[in-house]
N, C-alpha and C. Protein backbone atom coordinates (compact mmCIF):
# COMPACT_ATOMS: atom_id res chain seq x y z
N THR A 1 -10.38 -11.50 -8.59
CA THR A 1 -9.30 -12.27 -7.89
C THR A 1 -8.70 -13.28 -8.65
N ILE A 2 -7.18 -13.55 -8.83
CA ILE A 2 -7.18 -14.40 -9.50
C ILE A 2 -6.52 -15.14 -8.66
N SER A 3 -6.55 -17.26 -8.68
CA SER A 3 -6.18 -17.91 -7.65
C SER A 3 -4.90 -18.10 -7.80
N VAL A 4 -4.23 -18.46 -6.19
CA VAL A 4 -3.24 -18.44 -5.60
C VAL A 4 -2.35 -19.53 -7.28
N ASP A 5 -3.04 -20.13 -7.29
CA ASP A 5 -1.89 -20.95 -8.62
C ASP A 5 -1.51 -20.09 -9.72
N THR A 6 -2.73 -19.56 -9.64
CA THR A 6 -2.58 -18.93 -11.52
C THR A 6 -1.13 -17.57 -10.72
N LEU A 7 -1.24 -16.94 -9.48
CA LEU A 7 0.12 -15.98 -9.60
C LEU A 7 0.91 -16.62 -9.17
N LYS A 8 1.17 -17.91 -8.91
CA LYS A 8 2.45 -18.88 -8.37
C LYS A 8 3.62 -19.02 -10.16
N ASN A 9 1.69 -19.48 -11.04
CA ASN A 9 2.64 -19.94 -11.84
C ASN A 9 2.93 -18.95 -12.35
N PHE A 10 2.25 -17.50 -12.64
CA PHE A 10 3.11 -16.04 -13.18
C PHE A 10 4.20 -16.02 -12.61
N ALA A 11 4.12 -15.92 -11.23
CA ALA A 11 5.69 -15.16 -10.35
C ALA A 11 6.87 -15.88 -11.17
N GLU A 12 6.56 -17.86 -11.40
CA GLU A 12 7.78 -18.61 -11.74
C GLU A 12 7.80 -18.29 -13.25
N GLU A 13 7.29 -17.97 -14.13
CA GLU A 13 7.79 -18.03 -15.33
C GLU A 13 7.38 -17.08 -16.33
N THR A 14 7.48 -15.58 -15.41
CA THR A 14 7.84 -14.14 -16.17
C THR A 14 8.57 -13.04 -15.28
N PRO A 15 9.51 -12.93 -15.68
CA PRO A 15 10.84 -12.07 -14.78
C PRO A 15 10.48 -10.97 -14.71
N VAL A 16 9.48 -10.59 -13.94
CA VAL A 16 8.54 -8.91 -13.45
C VAL A 16 8.74 -8.84 -12.38
N SER A 17 8.65 -7.93 -11.51
CA SER A 17 8.40 -7.62 -10.14
C SER A 17 6.49 -8.16 -10.08
N VAL A 18 6.21 -8.94 -9.28
CA VAL A 18 5.21 -9.22 -8.87
C VAL A 18 4.44 -8.80 -7.50
N GLY A 19 3.30 -7.99 -7.62
CA GLY A 19 2.72 -7.42 -6.17
C GLY A 19 1.10 -7.93 -6.42
N VAL A 20 0.98 -7.74 -4.89
CA VAL A 20 -0.32 -8.49 -4.58
C VAL A 20 -1.35 -6.95 -4.10
N SER A 21 -2.51 -6.89 -3.89
CA SER A 21 -3.27 -5.99 -3.56
C SER A 21 -4.76 -6.64 -3.31
N PHE A 22 -5.09 -6.00 -2.55
CA PHE A 22 -6.45 -6.75 -1.76
C PHE A 22 -7.29 -5.43 -1.18
N ASN A 23 -8.87 -5.86 -1.25
CA ASN A 23 -9.36 -4.56 -0.62
C ASN A 23 -9.72 -4.53 0.70
N GLY A 24 -10.26 -3.56 1.56
CA GLY A 24 -9.84 -3.72 3.04
C GLY A 24 -10.88 -4.86 3.65
N ALA A 25 -11.81 -5.19 3.43
CA ALA A 25 -12.52 -6.26 3.19
C ALA A 25 -11.51 -7.99 3.26
N THR A 26 -10.50 -7.78 2.43
CA THR A 26 -9.72 -9.23 2.36
C THR A 26 -8.92 -9.36 4.20
N THR A 27 -9.31 -10.78 4.40
CA THR A 27 -8.45 -10.89 6.27
C THR A 27 -7.44 -11.31 5.67
N MET A 28 -6.41 -11.18 6.63
CA MET A 28 -4.59 -11.23 6.27
C MET A 28 -4.76 -12.86 6.44
N GLU A 29 -5.35 -13.48 6.68
CA GLU A 29 -5.07 -15.04 6.41
C GLU A 29 -5.53 -15.37 5.27
N THR A 30 -6.52 -14.58 4.18
CA THR A 30 -6.40 -14.86 2.68
C THR A 30 -5.26 -14.09 2.01
N PHE A 31 -4.80 -13.22 2.36
CA PHE A 31 -3.46 -12.37 1.87
C PHE A 31 -2.73 -13.20 1.75
N GLU A 32 -2.56 -13.42 3.01
CA GLU A 32 -0.85 -14.34 3.36
C GLU A 32 -1.22 -15.84 2.35
N HIS A 33 -2.10 -16.44 1.87
CA HIS A 33 -1.89 -17.57 0.71
C HIS A 33 -0.95 -16.81 0.06
N TYR A 34 -1.00 -15.80 -1.03
CA TYR A 34 -0.57 -14.94 -2.11
C TYR A 34 1.20 -14.69 -1.93
N LEU A 35 1.17 -14.33 -0.49
CA LEU A 35 2.65 -13.30 -0.31
C LEU A 35 3.94 -14.15 -0.12
N PRO A 36 4.05 -15.50 -0.93
CA PRO A 36 5.34 -16.38 -1.09
C PRO A 36 5.39 -16.47 -2.46
N TYR A 37 4.81 -15.76 -3.45
CA TYR A 37 4.69 -15.43 -4.87
C TYR A 37 4.94 -13.91 -4.75
N ALA A 38 5.53 -13.08 -4.06
CA ALA A 38 5.02 -11.50 -4.18
C ALA A 38 6.15 -11.07 -3.98
N ASP A 39 6.81 -9.81 -4.82
CA ASP A 39 8.14 -9.02 -4.28
C ASP A 39 7.20 -8.04 -3.51
N TYR A 40 6.09 -7.56 -3.72
CA TYR A 40 5.37 -6.38 -3.19
C TYR A 40 4.24 -6.36 -2.85
N VAL A 41 3.75 -5.59 -1.24
CA VAL A 41 2.05 -5.22 -1.18
C VAL A 41 1.54 -4.52 -1.69
N GLN A 42 0.49 -3.59 -1.91
CA GLN A 42 -0.58 -3.14 -2.12
C GLN A 42 -1.55 -2.89 -1.17
N LEU A 43 -0.86 -2.00 -0.06
CA LEU A 43 -2.40 -2.29 0.51
C LEU A 43 -2.79 -0.48 0.59
N MET A 44 -4.55 -1.15 0.84
CA MET A 44 -5.01 0.27 0.41
C MET A 44 -5.44 1.16 1.90
N GLY A 45 -5.56 2.04 1.85
CA GLY A 45 -5.67 3.24 2.90
C GLY A 45 -7.08 3.46 3.22
N ILE A 46 -7.84 2.70 2.36
CA ILE A 46 -9.19 3.14 2.34
C ILE A 46 -10.08 1.43 1.96
N TYR A 47 -10.90 1.82 2.70
CA TYR A 47 -12.26 0.25 3.21
C TYR A 47 -12.63 -0.16 1.28
N GLN A 48 -12.62 0.65 0.64
CA GLN A 48 -13.55 0.06 -0.55
C GLN A 48 -12.92 1.25 -1.61
N ILE A 49 -12.23 0.27 -3.01
CA ILE A 49 -11.49 1.30 -3.89
C ILE A 49 -12.62 1.92 -4.56
N GLY A 50 -12.50 3.43 -5.23
CA GLY A 50 -13.16 3.61 -5.80
C GLY A 50 -12.35 5.50 -5.90
N ALA A 51 -13.70 6.06 -5.89
CA ALA A 51 -13.10 7.36 -6.25
C ALA A 51 -12.31 7.93 -5.20
N GLN A 52 -11.70 9.27 -5.15
CA GLN A 52 -10.59 9.87 -4.30
C GLN A 52 -11.75 10.09 -3.21
N GLY A 53 -10.85 10.58 -1.91
CA GLY A 53 -11.36 11.78 -1.30
C GLY A 53 -12.40 10.32 -0.27
N GLN A 54 -11.95 9.47 0.03
CA GLN A 54 -12.52 7.95 0.70
C GLN A 54 -11.88 8.37 2.08
N PRO A 55 -12.54 8.14 3.44
CA PRO A 55 -12.18 8.13 4.66
C PRO A 55 -11.03 7.44 4.42
N PHE A 56 -10.08 7.26 5.65
CA PHE A 56 -8.66 6.66 5.66
C PHE A 56 -9.77 5.59 6.57
N ASP A 57 -8.81 4.40 6.06
CA ASP A 57 -9.45 2.76 7.16
C ASP A 57 -7.74 2.60 7.67
N GLU A 58 -7.86 3.41 9.09
CA GLU A 58 -7.25 2.74 10.28
C GLU A 58 -6.55 1.49 10.53
N ALA A 59 -7.29 -0.14 9.66
CA ALA A 59 -6.87 -1.03 10.01
C ALA A 59 -5.71 -1.26 9.29
N VAL A 60 -5.37 -0.28 8.00
CA VAL A 60 -3.92 -0.41 7.17
C VAL A 60 -2.72 -0.74 8.07
N PHE A 61 -2.92 -0.22 9.47
CA PHE A 61 -1.64 0.04 10.68
C PHE A 61 -1.66 -1.43 10.82
N GLU A 62 -2.38 -2.37 11.33
CA GLU A 62 -2.31 -3.47 11.53
C GLU A 62 -1.85 -4.47 10.34
N LYS A 63 -2.39 -4.15 9.53
CA LYS A 63 -1.58 -5.05 8.42
C LYS A 63 -0.02 -4.35 8.32
N ILE A 64 -0.11 -3.07 7.77
CA ILE A 64 1.48 -3.02 7.69
C ILE A 64 2.43 -3.39 8.78
N VAL A 65 2.17 -3.27 10.31
CA VAL A 65 2.79 -4.47 10.99
C VAL A 65 3.12 -5.40 10.93
N HIS A 66 1.90 -6.23 10.83
CA HIS A 66 1.81 -7.40 10.30
C HIS A 66 2.93 -8.34 9.21
N LEU A 67 2.46 -7.33 8.47
CA LEU A 67 3.76 -7.78 7.32
C LEU A 67 4.82 -7.53 7.46
N LYS A 68 5.24 -6.48 8.20
CA LYS A 68 6.68 -6.14 7.98
C LYS A 68 7.84 -7.09 9.20
N GLU A 69 6.78 -7.54 10.46
CA GLU A 69 7.07 -8.18 11.28
C GLU A 69 7.15 -9.86 11.05
N HIS A 70 6.18 -10.48 9.87
CA HIS A 70 6.64 -11.52 9.24
C HIS A 70 6.57 -11.93 8.11
N TYR A 71 7.17 -10.96 6.94
CA TYR A 71 7.31 -10.60 5.71
C TYR A 71 8.18 -9.51 5.31
N PRO A 72 9.65 -9.36 6.51
CA PRO A 72 10.05 -8.12 6.56
C PRO A 72 10.42 -7.89 4.57
N HIS A 73 11.27 -9.10 4.01
CA HIS A 73 11.59 -8.82 2.60
C HIS A 73 10.66 -7.90 1.41
N LEU A 74 9.22 -7.99 1.70
CA LEU A 74 8.27 -7.07 1.21
C LEU A 74 8.50 -5.92 1.31
N ALA A 75 8.19 -5.34 0.01
CA ALA A 75 8.17 -3.77 -0.17
C ALA A 75 6.93 -3.60 0.34
N ILE A 76 5.87 -2.53 1.33
CA ILE A 76 4.73 -2.08 1.55
C ILE A 76 4.55 -0.93 0.62
N THR A 77 3.67 -0.92 -0.01
CA THR A 77 3.25 0.17 -0.68
C THR A 77 1.55 0.50 0.08
N VAL A 78 1.46 1.95 0.00
CA VAL A 78 0.27 2.00 0.81
C VAL A 78 -0.50 3.05 -0.49
N ASP A 79 -2.02 2.76 -0.86
CA ASP A 79 -2.88 3.76 -1.62
C ASP A 79 -3.74 3.73 -1.11
N GLY A 80 -4.82 5.20 -1.59
CA GLY A 80 -5.38 5.59 -1.16
C GLY A 80 -5.27 6.52 0.76
N SER A 81 -5.91 7.51 0.09
CA SER A 81 -6.39 8.45 1.11
C SER A 81 -4.79 8.77 2.33
N VAL A 82 -3.56 8.95 1.13
CA VAL A 82 -2.33 9.09 2.06
C VAL A 82 -1.95 10.61 1.98
N ASN A 83 -2.12 10.87 2.32
CA ASN A 83 -2.00 12.75 2.39
C ASN A 83 -0.90 13.23 3.67
N ALA A 84 -0.93 14.30 3.98
CA ALA A 84 -0.29 15.05 5.21
C ALA A 84 -0.42 14.69 6.70
N ASP A 85 -1.89 14.18 6.75
CA ASP A 85 -2.14 13.38 7.96
C ASP A 85 -2.14 12.48 8.11
N THR A 86 -1.71 11.32 7.02
CA THR A 86 -1.39 10.29 7.39
C THR A 86 0.07 9.50 6.78
N ILE A 87 0.41 10.38 5.78
CA ILE A 87 1.74 10.02 5.56
C ILE A 87 2.70 9.34 6.40
N GLU A 88 3.15 10.21 7.29
CA GLU A 88 4.47 10.24 8.52
C GLU A 88 3.68 8.87 9.14
N ARG A 89 2.42 8.95 9.67
CA ARG A 89 2.37 7.14 10.59
C ARG A 89 2.40 5.86 9.79
N LEU A 90 2.10 6.10 8.29
CA LEU A 90 1.83 4.75 7.51
C LEU A 90 3.57 4.33 7.26
N LYS A 91 4.73 5.67 7.24
CA LYS A 91 6.03 5.44 7.13
C LYS A 91 6.58 4.76 8.11
N THR A 92 5.88 5.40 10.17
CA THR A 92 6.39 4.97 11.05
C THR A 92 6.23 3.06 11.09
N ALA A 93 4.45 3.28 10.75
CA ALA A 93 4.42 1.74 11.02
C ALA A 93 4.87 0.61 9.80
N GLY A 94 5.62 1.42 9.11
CA GLY A 94 6.38 0.09 8.16
C GLY A 94 6.21 -0.10 6.89
N ALA A 95 5.47 1.55 5.89
CA ALA A 95 5.00 1.31 4.97
C ALA A 95 6.28 1.67 4.14
N ASP A 96 6.44 1.28 2.62
CA ASP A 96 8.37 1.70 2.24
C ASP A 96 7.38 2.74 0.76
N ARG A 97 6.19 2.51 0.56
CA ARG A 97 5.99 3.52 -0.78
C ARG A 97 5.10 3.63 -0.55
N PHE A 98 4.52 5.00 -1.33
CA PHE A 98 2.86 5.46 -0.91
C PHE A 98 2.85 6.02 -2.44
N VAL A 99 1.79 6.11 -2.59
CA VAL A 99 0.68 6.44 -3.88
C VAL A 99 -0.35 7.40 -3.31
N VAL A 100 0.28 8.86 -3.70
CA VAL A 100 -0.76 10.23 -3.71
C VAL A 100 -1.71 10.53 -4.75
N GLY A 101 -2.74 10.71 -4.56
CA GLY A 101 -3.68 11.29 -5.64
C GLY A 101 -3.77 12.56 -5.20
N SER A 102 -5.06 12.57 -3.93
CA SER A 102 -5.63 14.18 -4.40
C SER A 102 -4.91 15.27 -3.65
N ALA A 103 -4.20 14.59 -2.86
CA ALA A 103 -3.36 15.07 -1.49
C ALA A 103 -2.23 16.11 -2.53
N ILE A 104 -2.30 15.56 -4.08
CA ILE A 104 -0.96 16.60 -4.42
C ILE A 104 -1.54 17.12 -6.00
N THR A 105 -2.71 16.11 -6.53
CA THR A 105 -3.24 16.76 -7.62
C THR A 105 -4.25 17.88 -7.55
N LEU A 106 -4.93 17.93 -6.72
CA LEU A 106 -6.10 19.16 -6.38
C LEU A 106 -5.82 20.06 -5.41
N GLN A 107 -4.31 20.51 -5.65
CA GLN A 107 -4.06 21.45 -4.55
C GLN A 107 -3.88 22.23 -5.57
N ASP A 108 -4.06 23.71 -4.82
CA ASP A 108 -3.43 25.24 -5.27
C ASP A 108 -1.98 24.90 -6.09
N ASP A 109 -0.68 24.43 -5.39
CA ASP A 109 0.34 24.25 -6.04
C ASP A 109 0.59 22.88 -5.64
N PRO A 110 0.57 22.05 -6.68
CA PRO A 110 0.77 20.67 -6.35
C PRO A 110 2.84 20.53 -6.63
N GLU A 111 3.28 21.21 -7.12
CA GLU A 111 5.08 20.87 -6.77
C GLU A 111 5.05 21.42 -5.13
N SER A 112 4.36 22.30 -4.46
CA SER A 112 4.93 22.46 -3.13
C SER A 112 4.15 20.99 -2.12
N ALA A 113 2.67 20.93 -2.55
CA ALA A 113 2.16 19.76 -1.88
C ALA A 113 3.08 18.17 -2.43
N TYR A 114 3.52 18.47 -3.06
CA TYR A 114 4.43 17.17 -3.69
C TYR A 114 5.81 17.44 -2.50
N THR A 115 6.54 18.34 -2.59
CA THR A 115 7.53 18.45 -1.60
C THR A 115 7.49 18.67 0.01
N ALA A 116 6.26 19.24 0.42
CA ALA A 116 5.58 19.21 1.81
C ALA A 116 5.33 17.86 2.06
N LEU A 117 4.95 16.59 1.68
CA LEU A 117 4.26 15.27 1.91
C LEU A 117 6.42 14.60 1.58
N ASN A 118 7.05 15.07 0.88
CA ASN A 118 8.05 14.28 0.46
C ASN A 118 8.82 14.65 1.77
N THR A 119 9.15 15.85 2.07
CA THR A 119 9.64 16.11 3.78
C THR A 119 9.56 15.44 4.97
N LEU A 120 8.03 15.29 4.91
CA LEU A 120 7.68 14.47 5.87
C LEU A 120 8.05 12.99 6.12
N ILE A 121 7.96 12.45 4.77
CA ILE A 121 8.61 11.10 5.12
C ILE A 121 10.32 10.87 5.32
N ASN A 122 10.92 12.08 4.99
CA ASN A 122 12.64 12.08 4.48
C ASN A 122 13.09 13.41 5.36
N GLU A 123 12.52 13.06 6.59
CA GLU A 123 13.38 14.12 7.47
C GLU A 123 14.16 13.43 8.17
């Protein structure tokens, strides 16, 4: 974890898009200290960062709703356990972007899996 001051200095001195991401144990209070210096947020759909196939962390919905309500200018990405069972709910909650792994790459027909997921969020 980097300090808020380090992120602030980096964001002010570097002409790139800056995002922040934390694991499931990070409180929203801690997270919010970093948000003034971020262009986007990446939330984890799994509690602990690691291998693919971990169970979905339902607490991500509260975080998405809170962020959309208090920081509507921030794009929200969700990574981890994004699949056909979760992607529509994540979009409805306010997520803007989705990182999908095994729900595409481990399927017999990855192109069809991608198309099906894309259809779910773009109807």
